Amino acid sequence: MSTTSGVNVLRYSALAFGVFYGFTHQRSITAAQKAATARHEYEHKQQLIEQARAEYAKSKNPTPPSLEKSALDQDPMDPKFDLEAYFNALIAQNP
């Protein structure tokens, strides 16, 4: 009879160890998922903040149209000066 009780002790010990291991493993999986979700939410909020900053900067500091490069604003002393493009832009501006 002592061998049967020894086997039962081993069986219940293994069962208790399995339940304990499953519980701790499930807690670690849940904690990792919560951390990944929190990190994803933080990155999403950070991306939204950067997008809002860019939109705010764009609305507060619009580029003036005078700073845009025009064919008429070219320097004739520049080696890349294109006389034909200059004349085409001049004709298009003054029809």
PDB file of N, CA and C in Angstrom:
ATOM      1  N   MET A   1       0.804  -1.175   0.000  1.00  0.00           N
ATOM      2  CA  MET A   1       0.000   0.000   0.000  1.00  0.00           C
ATOM      3  C   MET A   1       0.861   1.257   0.000  1.00  0.00           C
ATOM      4  N   SER A   2       2.052   1.153   0.502  1.00  0.00           N
ATOM      5  CA  SER A   2       2.911   2.337   0.567  1.00  0.00           C
ATOM      6  C   SER A   2       3.357   2.756  -0.828  1.00  0.00           C
ATOM      7  N   THR A   3       3.480   1.849  -1.756  1.00  0.00           N
ATOM      8  CA  THR A   3       3.871   2.226  -3.107  1.00  0.00           C
ATOM      9  C   THR A   3       2.752   2.991  -3.797  1.00  0.00           C
ATOM     10  N   THR A   4       1.520   2.642  -3.520  1.00  0.00           N
ATOM     11  CA  THR A   4       0.400   3.353  -4.114  1.00  0.00           C
ATOM     12  C   THR A   4       0.324   4.776  -3.575  1.00  0.00           C
ATOM     13  N   SER A   5       0.539   4.964  -2.300  1.00  0.00           N
ATOM     14  CA  SER A   5       0.490   6.313  -1.735  1.00  0.00           C
ATOM     15  C   SER A   5       1.675   7.137  -2.235  1.00  0.00           C
ATOM     16  N   GLY A   6       2.827   6.497  -2.449  1.00  0.00           N
ATOM     17  CA  GLY A   6       3.992   7.218  -3.007  1.00  0.00           C
ATOM     18  C   GLY A   6       3.727   7.676  -4.431  1.00  0.00           C
ATOM     19  N   VAL A   7       3.067   6.834  -5.218  1.00  0.00           N
ATOM     20  CA  VAL A   7       2.724   7.187  -6.590  1.00  0.00           C
ATOM     21  C   VAL A   7       1.700   8.314  -6.595  1.00  0.00           C
ATOM     22  N   ASN A   8       0.729   8.246  -5.686  1.00  0.00           N
ATOM     23  CA  ASN A   8      -0.268   9.313  -5.604  1.00  0.00           C
ATOM     24  C   ASN A   8       0.374  10.645  -5.215  1.00  0.00           C
ATOM     25  N   VAL A   9       1.327  10.611  -4.312  1.00  0.00           N
ATOM     26  CA  VAL A   9       2.026  11.843  -3.917  1.00  0.00           C
ATOM     27  C   VAL A   9       2.761  12.418  -5.126  1.00  0.00           C
ATOM     28  N   LEU A  10       3.397  11.571  -5.890  1.00  0.00           N
ATOM     29  CA  LEU A  10       4.096  12.050  -7.099  1.00  0.00           C
ATOM     30  C   LEU A  10       3.107  12.611  -8.117  1.00  0.00           C
ATOM     31  N   ARG A  11       1.991  11.944  -8.296  1.00  0.00           N
ATOM     32  CA  ARG A  11       0.985  12.417  -9.256  1.00  0.00           C
ATOM     33  C   ARG A  11       0.446  13.793  -8.861  1.00  0.00           C
ATOM     34  N   TYR A  12       0.070  13.935  -7.592  1.00  0.00           N
ATOM     35  CA  TYR A  12      -0.482  15.218  -7.155  1.00  0.00           C
ATOM     36  C   TYR A  12       0.582  16.305  -7.107  1.00  0.00           C
ATOM     37  N   SER A  13       1.800  15.922  -6.814  1.00  0.00           N
ATOM     38  CA  SER A  13       2.899  16.900  -6.846  1.00  0.00           C
ATOM     39  C   SER A  13       3.118  17.389  -8.279  1.00  0.00           C
ATOM     40  N   ALA A  14       3.093  16.477  -9.231  1.00  0.00           N
ATOM     41  CA  ALA A  14       3.251  16.861 -10.639  1.00  0.00           C
ATOM     42  C   ALA A  14       2.078  17.727 -11.086  1.00  0.00           C
ATOM     43  N   LEU A  15       0.878  17.383 -10.644  1.00  0.00           N
ATOM     44  CA  LEU A  15      -0.295  18.182 -10.982  1.00  0.00           C
ATOM     45  C   LEU A  15      -0.172  19.595 -10.401  1.00  0.00           C
ATOM     46  N   ALA A  16       0.227  19.693  -9.149  1.00  0.00           N
ATOM     47  CA  ALA A  16       0.375  21.001  -8.511  1.00  0.00           C
ATOM     48  C   ALA A  16       1.472  21.811  -9.213  1.00  0.00           C
ATOM     49  N   PHE A  17       2.575  21.150  -9.553  1.00  0.00           N
ATOM     50  CA  PHE A  17       3.650  21.843 -10.262  1.00  0.00           C
ATOM     51  C   PHE A  17       3.174  22.317 -11.638  1.00  0.00           C
ATOM     52  N   GLY A  18       2.402  21.499 -12.343  1.00  0.00           N
ATOM     53  CA  GLY A  18       1.883  21.883 -13.660  1.00  0.00           C
ATOM     54  C   GLY A  18       0.935  23.062 -13.580  1.00  0.00           C
ATOM     55  N   VAL A  19       0.066  23.058 -12.561  1.00  0.00           N
ATOM     56  CA  VAL A  19      -0.864  24.176 -12.382  1.00  0.00           C
ATOM     57  C   VAL A  19      -0.079  25.452 -12.058  1.00  0.00           C
ATOM     58  N   PHE A  20       0.910  25.341 -11.179  1.00  0.00           N
ATOM     59  CA  PHE A  20       1.729  26.502 -10.823  1.00  0.00           C
ATOM     60  C   PHE A  20       2.490  27.027 -12.042  1.00  0.00           C
ATOM     61  N   TYR A  21       3.090  26.118 -12.814  1.00  0.00           N
ATOM     62  CA  TYR A  21       3.818  26.530 -14.022  1.00  0.00           C
ATOM     63  C   TYR A  21       2.883  27.188 -15.032  1.00  0.00           C
ATOM     64  N   GLY A  22       1.717  26.625 -15.249  1.00  0.00           N
ATOM     65  CA  GLY A  22       0.756  27.204 -16.185  1.00  0.00           C
ATOM     66  C   GLY A  22       0.311  28.588 -15.757  1.00  0.00           C
ATOM     67  N   PHE A  23       0.089  28.767 -14.468  1.00  0.00           N
ATOM     68  CA  PHE A  23      -0.320  30.066 -13.940  1.00  0.00           C
ATOM     69  C   PHE A  23       0.777  31.109 -14.158  1.00  0.00           C
ATOM     70  N   THR A  24       2.010  30.770 -13.811  1.00  0.00           N
ATOM     71  CA  THR A  24       3.097  31.743 -13.967  1.00  0.00           C
ATOM     72  C   THR A  24       3.383  32.018 -15.448  1.00  0.00           C
ATOM     73  N   HIS A  25       3.289  31.001 -16.278  1.00  0.00           N
ATOM     74  CA  HIS A  25       3.529  31.196 -17.708  1.00  0.00           C
ATOM     75  C   HIS A  25       2.441  32.078 -18.319  1.00  0.00           C
ATOM     76  N   GLN A  26       1.207  31.863 -17.939  1.00  0.00           N
ATOM     77  CA  GLN A  26       0.110  32.693 -18.440  1.00  0.00           C
ATOM     78  C   GLN A  26       0.276  34.140 -17.984  1.00  0.00           C
ATOM     79  N   ARG A  27       0.731  34.358 -16.753  1.00  0.00           N
ATOM     80  CA  ARG A  27       0.971  35.726 -16.266  1.00  0.00           C
ATOM     81  C   ARG A  27       2.064  36.408 -17.071  1.00  0.00           C
ATOM     82  N   SER A  28       3.114  35.687 -17.418  1.00  0.00           N
ATOM     83  CA  SER A  28       4.198  36.298 -18.194  1.00  0.00           C
ATOM     84  C   SER A  28       3.736  36.629 -19.609  1.00  0.00           C
ATOM     85  N   ILE A  29       2.924  35.776 -20.205  1.00  0.00           N
ATOM     86  CA  ILE A  29       2.388  36.044 -21.542  1.00  0.00           C
ATOM     87  C   ILE A  29       1.476  37.266 -21.515  1.00  0.00           C
ATOM     88  N   THR A  30       0.610  37.345 -20.511  1.00  0.00           N
ATOM     89  CA  THR A  30      -0.302  38.477 -20.377  1.00  0.00           C
ATOM     90  C   THR A  30       0.463  39.773 -20.152  1.00  0.00           C
ATOM     91  N   ALA A  31       1.505  39.728 -19.337  1.00  0.00           N
ATOM     92  CA  ALA A  31       2.312  40.920 -19.079  1.00  0.00           C
ATOM     93  C   ALA A  31       3.026  41.376 -20.352  1.00  0.00           C
ATOM     94  N   ALA A  32       3.526  40.444 -21.133  1.00  0.00           N
ATOM     95  CA  ALA A  32       4.194  40.812 -22.393  1.00  0.00           C
ATOM     96  C   ALA A  32       3.204  41.428 -23.376  1.00  0.00           C
ATOM     97  N   GLN A  33       1.993  40.884 -23.434  1.00  0.00           N
ATOM     98  CA  GLN A  33       0.976  41.447 -24.330  1.00  0.00           C
ATOM     99  C   GLN A  33       0.559  42.842 -23.889  1.00  0.00           C
ATOM    100  N   LYS A  34       0.417  43.056 -22.589  1.00  0.00           N
ATOM    101  CA  LYS A  34       0.055  44.380 -22.087  1.00  0.00           C
ATOM    102  C   LYS A  34       1.162  45.383 -22.384  1.00  0.00           C
ATOM    103  N   ALA A  35       2.416  44.958 -22.232  1.00  0.00           N
ATOM    104  CA  ALA A  35       3.538  45.851 -22.519  1.00  0.00           C
ATOM    105  C   ALA A  35       3.584  46.195 -24.009  1.00  0.00           C
ATOM    106  N   ALA A  36       3.331  45.216 -24.864  1.00  0.00           N
ATOM    107  CA  ALA A  36       3.332  45.474 -26.308  1.00  0.00           C
ATOM    108  C   ALA A  36       2.191  46.407 -26.693  1.00  0.00           C
ATOM    109  N   THR A  37       1.045  46.230 -26.081  1.00  0.00           N
ATOM    110  CA  THR A  37      -0.096  47.108 -26.357  1.00  0.00           C
ATOM    111  C   THR A  37       0.184  48.523 -25.889  1.00  0.00           C
ATOM    112  N   ALA A  38       0.774  48.663 -24.710  1.00  0.00           N
ATOM    113  CA  ALA A  38       1.106  49.994 -24.200  1.00  0.00           C
ATOM    114  C   ALA A  38       2.148  50.668 -25.085  1.00  0.00           C
ATOM    115  N   ARG A  39       3.143  49.907 -25.539  1.00  0.00           N
ATOM    116  CA  ARG A  39       4.176  50.466 -26.413  1.00  0.00           C
ATOM    117  C   ARG A  39       3.564  50.897 -27.747  1.00  0.00           C
ATOM    118  N   HIS A  40       2.648  50.102 -28.283  1.00  0.00           N
ATOM    119  CA  HIS A  40       1.992  50.447 -29.544  1.00  0.00           C
ATOM    120  C   HIS A  40       1.149  51.714 -29.390  1.00  0.00           C
ATOM    121  N   GLU A  41       0.415  51.824 -28.284  1.00  0.00           N
ATOM    122  CA  GLU A  41      -0.387  53.021 -28.042  1.00  0.00           C
ATOM    123  C   GLU A  41       0.506  54.249 -27.893  1.00  0.00           C
ATOM    124  N   TYR A  42       1.624  54.101 -27.197  1.00  0.00           N
ATOM    125  CA  TYR A  42       2.553  55.220 -27.015  1.00  0.00           C
ATOM    126  C   TYR A  42       3.131  55.661 -28.354  1.00  0.00           C
ATOM    127  N   GLU A  43       3.536  54.720 -29.191  1.00  0.00           N
ATOM    128  CA  GLU A  43       4.086  55.064 -30.503  1.00  0.00           C
ATOM    129  C   GLU A  43       3.028  55.737 -31.373  1.00  0.00           C
ATOM    130  N   HIS A  44       1.776  55.275 -31.279  1.00  0.00           N
ATOM    131  CA  HIS A  44       0.696  55.887 -32.053  1.00  0.00           C
ATOM    132  C   HIS A  44       0.456  57.326 -31.597  1.00  0.00           C
ATOM    133  N   LYS A  45       0.426  57.541 -30.283  1.00  0.00           N
ATOM    134  CA  LYS A  45       0.253  58.894 -29.757  1.00  0.00           C
ATOM    135  C   LYS A  45       1.425  59.785 -30.149  1.00  0.00           C
ATOM    136  N   GLN A  46       2.624  59.244 -30.107  1.00  0.00           N
ATOM    137  CA  GLN A  46       3.811  60.005 -30.489  1.00  0.00           C
ATOM    138  C   GLN A  46       3.746  60.389 -31.965  1.00  0.00           C
ATOM    139  N   GLN A  47       3.283  59.485 -32.801  1.00  0.00           N
ATOM    140  CA  GLN A  47       3.147  59.775 -34.230  1.00  0.00           C
ATOM    141  C   GLN A  47       2.087  60.841 -34.458  1.00  0.00           C
ATOM    142  N   LEU A  48       0.985  60.793 -33.714  1.00  0.00           N
ATOM    143  CA  LEU A  48      -0.051  61.807 -33.839  1.00  0.00           C
ATOM    144  C   LEU A  48       0.458  63.176 -33.377  1.00  0.00           C
ATOM    145  N   ILE A  49       1.265  63.196 -32.327  1.00  0.00           N
ATOM    146  CA  ILE A  49       1.829  64.457 -31.845  1.00  0.00           C
ATOM    147  C   ILE A  49       2.769  65.048 -32.876  1.00  0.00           C
ATOM    148  N   GLU A  50       3.620  64.218 -33.472  1.00  0.00           N
ATOM    149  CA  GLU A  50       4.533  64.706 -34.508  1.00  0.00           C
ATOM    150  C   GLU A  50       3.765  65.229 -35.717  1.00  0.00           C
ATOM    151  N   GLN A  51       2.699  64.551 -36.082  1.00  0.00           N
ATOM    152  CA  GLN A  51       1.882  64.994 -37.207  1.00  0.00           C
ATOM    153  C   GLN A  51       1.218  66.330 -36.879  1.00  0.00           C
ATOM    154  N   ALA A  52       0.719  66.473 -35.655  1.00  0.00           N
ATOM    155  CA  ALA A  52       0.098  67.736 -35.252  1.00  0.00           C
ATOM    156  C   ALA A  52       1.116  68.862 -35.214  1.00  0.00           C
ATOM    157  N   ARG A  53       2.326  68.565 -34.759  1.00  0.00           N
ATOM    158  CA  ARG A  53       3.387  69.587 -34.753  1.00  0.00           C
ATOM    159  C   ARG A  53       3.717  70.037 -36.167  1.00  0.00           C
ATOM    160  N   ALA A  54       3.786  69.091 -37.071  1.00  0.00           N
ATOM    161  CA  ALA A  54       4.094  69.438 -38.459  1.00  0.00           C
ATOM    162  C   ALA A  54       2.984  70.288 -39.062  1.00  0.00           C
ATOM    163  N   GLU A  55       1.731  69.925 -38.803  1.00  0.00           N
ATOM    164  CA  GLU A  55       0.604  70.700 -39.322  1.00  0.00           C
ATOM    165  C   GLU A  55       0.575  72.099 -38.704  1.00  0.00           C
ATOM    166  N   TYR A  56       0.876  72.193 -37.406  1.00  0.00           N
ATOM    167  CA  TYR A  56       0.886  73.491 -36.742  1.00  0.00           C
ATOM    168  C   TYR A  56       2.000  74.368 -37.308  1.00  0.00           C
ATOM    169  N   ALA A  57       3.175  73.779 -37.490  1.00  0.00           N
ATOM    170  CA  ALA A  57       4.283  74.548 -38.055  1.00  0.00           C
ATOM    171  C   ALA A  57       3.963  74.991 -39.477  1.00  0.00           C
ATOM    172  N   LYS A  58       3.297  74.134 -40.217  1.00  0.00           N
ATOM    173  CA  LYS A  58       2.944  74.484 -41.588  1.00  0.00           C
ATOM    174  C   LYS A  58       1.901  75.596 -41.610  1.00  0.00           C
ATOM    175  N   SER A  59       0.972  75.576 -40.660  1.00  0.00           N
ATOM    176  CA  SER A  59      -0.067  76.611 -40.639  1.00  0.00           C
ATOM    177  C   SER A  59       0.472  77.937 -40.109  1.00  0.00           C
ATOM    178  N   LYS A  60       1.436  77.896 -39.207  1.00  0.00           N
ATOM    179  CA  LYS A  60       1.978  79.127 -38.634  1.00  0.00           C
ATOM    180  C   LYS A  60       3.106  79.727 -39.469  1.00  0.00           C
ATOM    181  N   ASN A  61       3.795  78.920 -40.239  1.00  0.00           N
ATOM    182  CA  ASN A  61       4.904  79.404 -41.050  1.00  0.00           C
ATOM    183  C   ASN A  61       4.725  78.981 -42.500  1.00  0.00           C
ATOM    184  N   PRO A  62       3.747  79.541 -43.185  1.00  0.00           N
ATOM    185  CA  PRO A  62       3.578  79.149 -44.584  1.00  0.00           C
ATOM    186  C   PRO A  62       4.716  79.730 -45.422  1.00  0.00           C
ATOM    187  N   THR A  63       5.088  79.015 -46.443  1.00  0.00           N
ATOM    188  CA  THR A  63       6.149  79.511 -47.312  1.00  0.00           C
ATOM    189  C   THR A  63       5.580  80.609 -48.191  1.00  0.00           C
ATOM    190  N   PRO A  64       6.178  81.796 -48.160  1.00  0.00           N
ATOM    191  CA  PRO A  64       5.679  82.875 -48.996  1.00  0.00           C
ATOM    192  C   PRO A  64       5.924  82.577 -50.467  1.00  0.00           C
ATOM    193  N   PRO A  65       5.012  83.008 -51.317  1.00  0.00           N
ATOM    194  CA  PRO A  65       5.183  82.708 -52.737  1.00  0.00           C
ATOM    195  C   PRO A  65       6.392  83.402 -53.339  1.00  0.00           C
ATOM    196  N   SER A  66       6.903  84.443 -52.687  1.00  0.00           N
ATOM    197  CA  SER A  66       8.066  85.140 -53.240  1.00  0.00           C
ATOM    198  C   SER A  66       9.339  84.304 -53.111  1.00  0.00           C
ATOM    199  N   LEU A  67       9.336  83.318 -52.195  1.00  0.00           N
ATOM    200  CA  LEU A  67      10.519  82.481 -52.018  1.00  0.00           C
ATOM    201  C   LEU A  67      10.568  81.322 -53.006  1.00  0.00           C
ATOM    202  N   GLU A  68       9.480  81.077 -53.676  1.00  0.00           N
ATOM    203  CA  GLU A  68       9.473  80.003 -54.652  1.00  0.00           C
ATOM    204  C   GLU A  68      10.361  80.395 -55.830  1.00  0.00           C
ATOM    205  N   LYS A  69      11.072  79.453 -56.362  1.00  0.00           N
ATOM    206  CA  LYS A  69      12.003  79.744 -57.446  1.00  0.00           C
ATOM    207  C   LYS A  69      11.232  79.965 -58.746  1.00  0.00           C
ATOM    208  N   SER A  70      11.499  81.065 -59.334  1.00  0.00           N
ATOM    209  CA  SER A  70      10.858  81.412 -60.592  1.00  0.00           C
ATOM    210  C   SER A  70      11.926  81.477 -61.666  1.00  0.00           C
ATOM    211  N   ALA A  71      11.512  81.270 -62.894  1.00  0.00           N
ATOM    212  CA  ALA A  71      12.476  81.342 -63.994  1.00  0.00           C
ATOM    213  C   ALA A  71      12.963  82.768 -64.184  1.00  0.00           C
ATOM    214  N   LEU A  72      12.178  83.756 -63.707  1.00  0.00           N
ATOM    215  CA  LEU A  72      12.581  85.156 -63.864  1.00  0.00           C
ATOM    216  C   LEU A  72      13.566  85.601 -62.784  1.00  0.00           C
ATOM    217  N   ASP A  73      13.683  84.848 -61.714  1.00  0.00           N
ATOM    218  CA  ASP A  73      14.578  85.221 -60.628  1.00  0.00           C
ATOM    219  C   ASP A  73      15.966  84.610 -60.767  1.00  0.00           C
ATOM    220  N   GLN A  74      16.302  84.127 -61.894  1.00  0.00           N
ATOM    221  CA  GLN A  74      17.590  83.477 -62.077  1.00  0.00           C
ATOM    222  C   GLN A  74      18.691  84.512 -62.237  1.00  0.00           C
ATOM    223  N   ASP A  75      19.883  84.123 -61.853  1.00  0.00           N
ATOM    224  CA  ASP A  75      21.057  84.987 -61.975  1.00  0.00           C
ATOM    225  C   ASP A  75      21.684  84.753 -63.345  1.00  0.00           C
ATOM    226  N   PRO A  76      21.806  85.798 -64.169  1.00  0.00           N
ATOM    227  CA  PRO A  76      22.392  85.598 -65.499  1.00  0.00           C
ATOM    228  C   PRO A  76      23.877  85.262 -65.460  1.00  0.00           C
ATOM    229  N   MET A  77      24.532  85.497 -64.343  1.00  0.00           N
ATOM    230  CA  MET A  77      25.957  85.182 -64.235  1.00  0.00           C
ATOM    231  C   MET A  77      26.195  83.739 -63.782  1.00  0.00           C
ATOM    232  N   ASP A  78      25.134  83.059 -63.440  1.00  0.00           N
ATOM    233  CA  ASP A  78      25.233  81.668 -63.013  1.00  0.00           C
ATOM    234  C   ASP A  78      25.553  80.796 -64.224  1.00  0.00           C
ATOM    235  N   PRO A  79      26.495  79.839 -64.096  1.00  0.00           N
ATOM    236  CA  PRO A  79      26.815  78.986 -65.247  1.00  0.00           C
ATOM    237  C   PRO A  79      25.652  78.087 -65.676  1.00  0.00           C
ATOM    238  N   LYS A  80      24.681  77.860 -64.796  1.00  0.00           N
ATOM    239  CA  LYS A  80      23.527  77.029 -65.140  1.00  0.00           C
ATOM    240  C   LYS A  80      22.357  77.871 -65.657  1.00  0.00           C
ATOM    241  N   PHE A  81      22.570  79.136 -65.938  1.00  0.00           N
ATOM    242  CA  PHE A  81      21.514  80.024 -66.401  1.00  0.00           C
ATOM    243  C   PHE A  81      20.989  79.554 -67.747  1.00  0.00           C
ATOM    244  N   ASP A  82      19.657  79.469 -67.851  1.00  0.00           N
ATOM    245  CA  ASP A  82      19.016  79.005 -69.077  1.00  0.00           C
ATOM    246  C   ASP A  82      18.267  80.189 -69.680  1.00  0.00           C
ATOM    247  N   LEU A  83      18.811  80.735 -70.755  1.00  0.00           N
ATOM    248  CA  LEU A  83      18.237  81.913 -71.384  1.00  0.00           C
ATOM    249  C   LEU A  83      16.874  81.598 -71.998  1.00  0.00           C
ATOM    250  N   GLU A  84      16.746  80.406 -72.575  1.00  0.00           N
ATOM    251  CA  GLU A  84      15.478  80.033 -73.197  1.00  0.00           C
ATOM    252  C   GLU A  84      14.363  79.922 -72.154  1.00  0.00           C
ATOM    253  N   ALA A  85      14.653  79.312 -71.015  1.00  0.00           N
ATOM    254  CA  ALA A  85      13.664  79.202 -69.951  1.00  0.00           C
ATOM    255  C   ALA A  85      13.313  80.587 -69.414  1.00  0.00           C
ATOM    256  N   TYR A  86      14.282  81.465 -69.345  1.00  0.00           N
ATOM    257  CA  TYR A  86      14.032  82.839 -68.883  1.00  0.00           C
ATOM    258  C   TYR A  86      13.080  83.551 -69.835  1.00  0.00           C
ATOM    259  N   PHE A  87      13.325  83.427 -71.127  1.00  0.00           N
ATOM    260  CA  PHE A  87      12.448  84.092 -72.101  1.00  0.00           C
ATOM    261  C   PHE A  87      11.049  83.467 -72.119  1.00  0.00           C
ATOM    262  N   ASN A  88      10.958  82.146 -71.970  1.00  0.00           N
ATOM    263  CA  ASN A  88       9.644  81.488 -71.934  1.00  0.00           C
ATOM    264  C   ASN A  88       8.843  81.941 -70.715  1.00  0.00           C
ATOM    265  N   ALA A  89       9.491  82.078 -69.573  1.00  0.00           N
ATOM    266  CA  ALA A  89       8.807  82.543 -68.383  1.00  0.00           C
ATOM    267  C   ALA A  89       8.404  84.006 -68.522  1.00  0.00           C
ATOM    268  N   LEU A  90       9.236  84.813 -69.154  1.00  0.00           N
ATOM    269  CA  LEU A  90       8.926  86.220 -69.371  1.00  0.00           C
ATOM    270  C   LEU A  90       7.718  86.370 -70.293  1.00  0.00           C
ATOM    271  N   ILE A  91       7.668  85.551 -71.347  1.00  0.00           N
ATOM    272  CA  ILE A  91       6.526  85.583 -72.274  1.00  0.00           C
ATOM    273  C   ILE A  91       5.262  85.100 -71.585  1.00  0.00           C
ATOM    274  N   ALA A  92       5.377  84.069 -70.752  1.00  0.00           N
ATOM    275  CA  ALA A  92       4.208  83.535 -70.054  1.00  0.00           C
ATOM    276  C   ALA A  92       3.680  84.534 -69.024  1.00  0.00           C
ATOM    277  N   GLN A  93       4.570  85.303 -68.420  1.00  0.00           N
ATOM    278  CA  GLN A  93       4.142  86.274 -67.422  1.00  0.00           C
ATOM    279  C   GLN A  93       3.511  87.502 -68.075  1.00  0.00           C
ATOM    280  N   ASN A  94       4.053  87.955 -69.181  1.00  0.00           N
ATOM    281  CA  ASN A  94       3.560  89.149 -69.905  1.00  0.00           C
ATOM    282  C   ASN A  94       3.080  88.749 -71.275  1.00  0.00           C
ATOM    283  N   PRO A  95       1.853  88.354 -71.425  1.00  0.00           N
ATOM    284  CA  PRO A  95       1.381  87.899 -72.737  1.00  0.00           C
ATOM    285  C   PRO A  95       1.185  88.996 -73.726  1.00  0.00           C
TER     286      PRO A  95
END
